[in-house]
C-alpha atoms as a PDB file:
ATOM      1  CA  MET A   1     -22.814  34.394 -31.413  1.00  0.00           C
ATOM      2  CA  MET A   2     -25.707  33.419 -29.167  1.00  0.00           C
ATOM      3  CA  PHE A   3     -25.223  29.823 -30.247  1.00  0.00           C
ATOM      4  CA  LEU A   4     -21.595  29.829 -29.013  1.00  0.00           C
ATOM      5  CA  ALA A   5     -22.632  31.392 -25.708  1.00  0.00           C
ATOM      6  CA  ILE A   6     -24.848  28.369 -25.100  1.00  0.00           C
ATOM      7  CA  VAL A   7     -22.663  25.612 -26.560  1.00  0.00           C
ATOM      8  CA  ILE A   8     -19.318  26.474 -24.935  1.00  0.00           C
ATOM      9  CA  PRO A   9     -20.458  26.225 -21.269  1.00  0.00           C
ATOM     10  CA  VAL A  10     -22.292  22.988 -22.038  1.00  0.00           C
ATOM     11  CA  ALA A  11     -19.224  21.531 -23.761  1.00  0.00           C
ATOM     12  CA  VAL A  12     -16.997  22.502 -20.819  1.00  0.00           C
ATOM     13  CA  GLU A  13     -19.406  20.838 -18.371  1.00  0.00           C
ATOM     14  CA  VAL A  14     -19.511  17.659 -20.483  1.00  0.00           C
ATOM     15  CA  LEU A  15     -15.705  17.509 -20.505  1.00  0.00           C
ATOM     16  CA  SER A  16     -15.611  18.003 -16.729  1.00  0.00           C
ATOM     17  CA  ILE A  17     -18.087  15.176 -16.145  1.00  0.00           C
ATOM     18  CA  ALA A  18     -16.215  12.853 -18.501  1.00  0.00           C
ATOM     19  CA  SER A  19     -12.908  13.653 -16.792  1.00  0.00           C
ATOM     20  CA  ARG A  20     -14.369  12.995 -13.335  1.00  0.00           C
ATOM     21  CA  ALA A  21     -15.922   9.705 -14.471  1.00  0.00           C
ATOM     22  CA  GLY A  22     -12.598   8.499 -15.812  1.00  0.00           C
ATOM     23  CA  GLU A  23     -10.753   9.524 -12.659  1.00  0.00           C
ATOM     24  CA  VAL A  24     -13.366   7.863 -10.410  1.00  0.00           C
ATOM     25  CA  ALA A  25     -13.100   4.617 -12.387  1.00  0.00           C
ATOM     26  CA  THR A  26      -9.304   4.599 -12.194  1.00  0.00           C
ATOM     27  CA  ARG A  27      -9.207   5.308  -8.484  1.00  0.00           C
ATOM     28  CA  LYS A  28     -12.026   2.865  -7.783  1.00  0.00           C
ATOM     29  CA  SER A  29     -10.041   0.007  -9.305  1.00  0.00           C
ATOM     30  CA  ALA A  30      -7.045   1.004  -7.159  1.00  0.00           C
ATOM     31  CA  ALA A  31      -9.300   1.216  -4.068  1.00  0.00           C
ATOM     32  CA  VAL A  32     -10.595  -2.304  -4.744  1.00  0.00           C
ATOM     33  CA  ARG A  33      -6.976  -3.556  -4.852  1.00  0.00           C
ATOM     34  CA  VAL A  34      -6.298  -1.815  -1.527  1.00  0.00           C
ATOM     35  CA  ALA A  35      -9.431  -3.302   0.077  1.00  0.00           C
ATOM     36  CA  ASP A  36      -8.486  -6.758  -1.199  1.00  0.00           C
ATOM     37  CA  ARG A  37      -4.976  -6.355   0.220  1.00  0.00           C
ATOM     38  CA  VAL A  38      -6.339  -5.225   3.619  1.00  0.00           C
ATOM     39  CA  LEU A  39      -8.720  -8.203   3.797  1.00  0.00           C
ATOM     40  CA  SER A  40      -6.057 -10.682   2.684  1.00  0.00           C
ATOM     41  CA  GLU A  41      -3.438  -9.422   5.133  1.00  0.00           C
ATOM     42  CA  SER A  42      -5.968  -9.416   7.971  1.00  0.00           C
ATOM     43  CA  LEU A  43      -7.007 -12.993   7.230  1.00  0.00           C
ATOM     44  CA  VAL A  44      -3.429 -14.236   7.010  1.00  0.00           C
ATOM     45  CA  THR A  45      -2.221 -12.475  10.149  1.00  0.00           C
ATOM     46  CA  THR A  46      -5.548 -13.151  11.955  1.00  0.00           C
ATOM     47  CA  ASN A  47      -5.383  -9.679  13.502  1.00  0.00           C
ATOM     48  CA  TRP A  48      -8.990  -8.856  12.624  1.00  0.00           C
ATOM     49  CA  GLY A  49     -10.178  -9.936  16.057  1.00  0.00           C
ATOM     50  CA  ASN A  50      -8.510  -6.881  17.628  1.00  0.00           C
ATOM     51  CA  GLY A  51     -11.475  -4.563  17.036  1.00  0.00           C
ATOM     52  CA  LEU A  52     -11.800  -1.662  14.613  1.00  0.00           C
ATOM     53  CA  GLN A  53      -8.687  -1.052  12.557  1.00  0.00           C
ATOM     54  CA  SER A  54      -7.881   1.753  10.147  1.00  0.00           C
ATOM     55  CA  GLY A  55      -5.007   3.316   8.299  1.00  0.00           C
ATOM     56  CA  THR A  56      -3.739   4.825   5.077  1.00  0.00           C
ATOM     57  CA  ILE A  57      -2.115   3.024   2.164  1.00  0.00           C
ATOM     58  CA  THR A  58      -0.275   4.865  -0.575  1.00  0.00           C
ATOM     59  CA  GLU A  59      -0.510   3.391  -4.050  1.00  0.00           C
ATOM     60  CA  GLY A  60       1.507   5.307  -6.582  1.00  0.00           C
ATOM     61  CA  PHE A  61       1.008   8.950  -5.645  1.00  0.00           C
ATOM     62  CA  LEU A  62      -2.497   8.450  -4.207  1.00  0.00           C
ATOM     63  CA  ASP A  63      -3.433   7.923  -0.547  1.00  0.00           C
ATOM     64  CA  PHE A  64      -6.312   5.594   0.280  1.00  0.00           C
ATOM     65  CA  LYS A  65      -7.860   5.597   3.758  1.00  0.00           C
ATOM     66  CA  TRP A  66      -9.119   2.196   4.860  1.00  0.00           C
ATOM     67  CA  ARG A  67     -11.166   0.859   7.758  1.00  0.00           C
ATOM     68  CA  LEU A  68     -11.676  -2.776   8.730  1.00  0.00           C
ATOM     69  CA  THR A  69     -14.816  -3.692  10.672  1.00  0.00           C
ATOM     70  CA  THR A  70     -16.151  -6.995  11.971  1.00  0.00           C
ATOM     71  CA  GLN A  71     -19.684  -8.236  12.567  1.00  0.00           C
ATOM     72  CA  ASN A  72     -21.021 -11.532  13.849  1.00  0.00           C
ATOM     73  CA  TRP A  73     -22.557 -13.596  11.062  1.00  0.00           C
ATOM     74  CA  PRO A  74     -26.089 -14.578  12.136  1.00  0.00           C
ATOM     75  CA  ALA A  75     -26.183 -18.015  10.503  1.00  0.00           C
ATOM     76  CA  ASP A  76     -23.268 -19.610  12.365  1.00  0.00           C
ATOM     77  CA  SER A  77     -20.125 -18.804  14.323  1.00  0.00           C
ATOM     78  CA  MET A  78     -18.385 -17.024  11.458  1.00  0.00           C
ATOM     79  CA  THR A  79     -17.451 -13.340  11.326  1.00  0.00           C
ATOM     80  CA  LEU A  80     -18.129 -10.891   8.498  1.00  0.00           C
ATOM     81  CA  LEU A  81     -15.047  -8.782   7.738  1.00  0.00           C
ATOM     82  CA  THR A  82     -15.591  -5.589   5.755  1.00  0.00           C
ATOM     83  CA  ALA A  83     -12.840  -3.374   4.376  1.00  0.00           C
ATOM     84  CA  GLU A  84     -14.011   0.102   3.389  1.00  0.00           C
ATOM     85  CA  VAL A  85     -11.628   2.269   1.379  1.00  0.00           C
ATOM     86  CA  THR A  86     -12.284   5.966   0.762  1.00  0.00           C
ATOM     87  CA  TYR A  87     -10.629   8.098  -1.874  1.00  0.00           C
ATOM     88  CA  PRO A  88     -11.081  11.697  -3.044  1.00  0.00           C
ATOM     89  CA  VAL A  89     -11.795  12.737  -6.618  1.00  0.00           C
ATOM     90  CA  GLN A  90     -11.983  16.439  -7.452  1.00  0.00           C
ATOM     91  CA  GLY A  91     -12.880  17.404  -3.886  1.00  0.00           C
ATOM     92  CA  LYS A  92     -15.533  14.724  -3.338  1.00  0.00           C
ATOM     93  CA  ASP A  93     -15.038  11.504  -1.325  1.00  0.00           C
ATOM     94  CA  TYR A  94     -16.000   8.148  -2.782  1.00  0.00           C
ATOM     95  CA  SER A  95     -15.779   4.728  -1.152  1.00  0.00           C
ATOM     96  CA  VAL A  96     -15.745   1.050  -1.964  1.00  0.00           C
ATOM     97  CA  LYS A  97     -16.479  -1.887   0.371  1.00  0.00           C
ATOM     98  CA  LEU A  98     -15.314  -5.502   0.128  1.00  0.00           C
ATOM     99  CA  SER A  99     -16.478  -8.190   2.551  1.00  0.00           C
ATOM    100  CA  THR A 100     -15.674 -11.800   3.309  1.00  0.00           C
ATOM    101  CA  LEU A 101     -16.570 -14.412   5.898  1.00  0.00           C
ATOM    102  CA  ALA A 102     -13.954 -15.812   8.260  1.00  0.00           C
ATOM    103  CA  SER A 103     -13.923 -18.277  11.094  1.00  0.00           C
ATOM    104  CA  SER A 104     -12.000 -17.422  14.219  1.00  0.00           C
ATOM    105  CA  PRO A 105      -8.385 -18.622  14.165  1.00  0.00           C
ATOM    106  CA  ASN A 106      -8.917 -21.166  16.957  1.00  0.00           C
ATOM    107  CA  GLN A 107     -11.897 -22.893  15.307  1.00  0.00           C
ATOM    108  CA  THR A 108     -11.561 -25.996  13.175  1.00  0.00           C
ATOM    109  CA  PRO A 109     -13.317 -26.098   9.811  1.00  0.00           C
ATOM    110  CA  MET A 110     -16.587 -28.041   9.663  1.00  0.00           C
ATOM    111  CA  GLY A 111     -16.101 -31.755   8.990  1.00  0.00           C
ATOM    112  CA  SER A 112     -12.531 -31.852  10.299  1.00  0.00           C
ATOM    113  CA  SER A 113     -11.066 -32.537  13.678  1.00  0.00           C
ATOM    114  CA  ARG A 114      -7.782 -31.923  15.427  1.00  0.00           C
ATOM    115  CA  THR A 115      -5.919 -34.908  16.766  1.00  0.00           C
ATOM    116  CA  GLY A 116      -2.454 -35.509  18.114  1.00  0.00           C
ATOM    117  CA  SER A 117      -1.620 -38.083  15.442  1.00  0.00           C
ATOM    118  CA  SER A 118      -0.276 -37.443  11.983  1.00  0.00           C
ATOM    119  CA  GLY A 119      -3.503 -38.559  10.364  1.00  0.00           C
ATOM    120  CA  VAL A 120      -1.868 -41.458   8.489  1.00  0.00           C
ATOM    121  CA  ASN A 121      -3.594 -44.817   8.910  1.00  0.00           C
ATOM    122  CA  ALA A 122      -1.474 -47.974   8.628  1.00  0.00           C
ATOM    123  CA  GLN A 123      -3.299 -51.064   7.382  1.00  0.00           C
END
C-alpha cells in the first residue's frame, strides 16, 4: 500500500509534464508560423517602418499575441525586424522570436542602380 502511495503521485506528475511538453511543442510550431506570417506581411507591405506594431492572430481555436520591433543593424544601413509571438500553455506564457534583415523600401540593393531607361542595351 505504501508503494502505491508513492508511485501514483509520481505517475500523475509524469503524465502532466508529458502533456505540457506535447502542448508546448504543438503551439510553438503554430507560433513560428504566425511569426513567419507577420514578418512576411510586414516585408511585403513595407509597413514595418511605422514603429512598434502588435496584435492578435487566431489560428484554429488558439489566439497568438504578436509584436513587431525594429532595430538599426550596426554593420550597414539595414534594419533588424523581430516578430515575437506569445502563447499560453496551462496557465504559463511562452514565446518565440523570429528575426530578419531588411533594407528600407526606398533604398536600392547593393550593386544595382535605378535609371530611367528600360535597362536593355541595343548593339
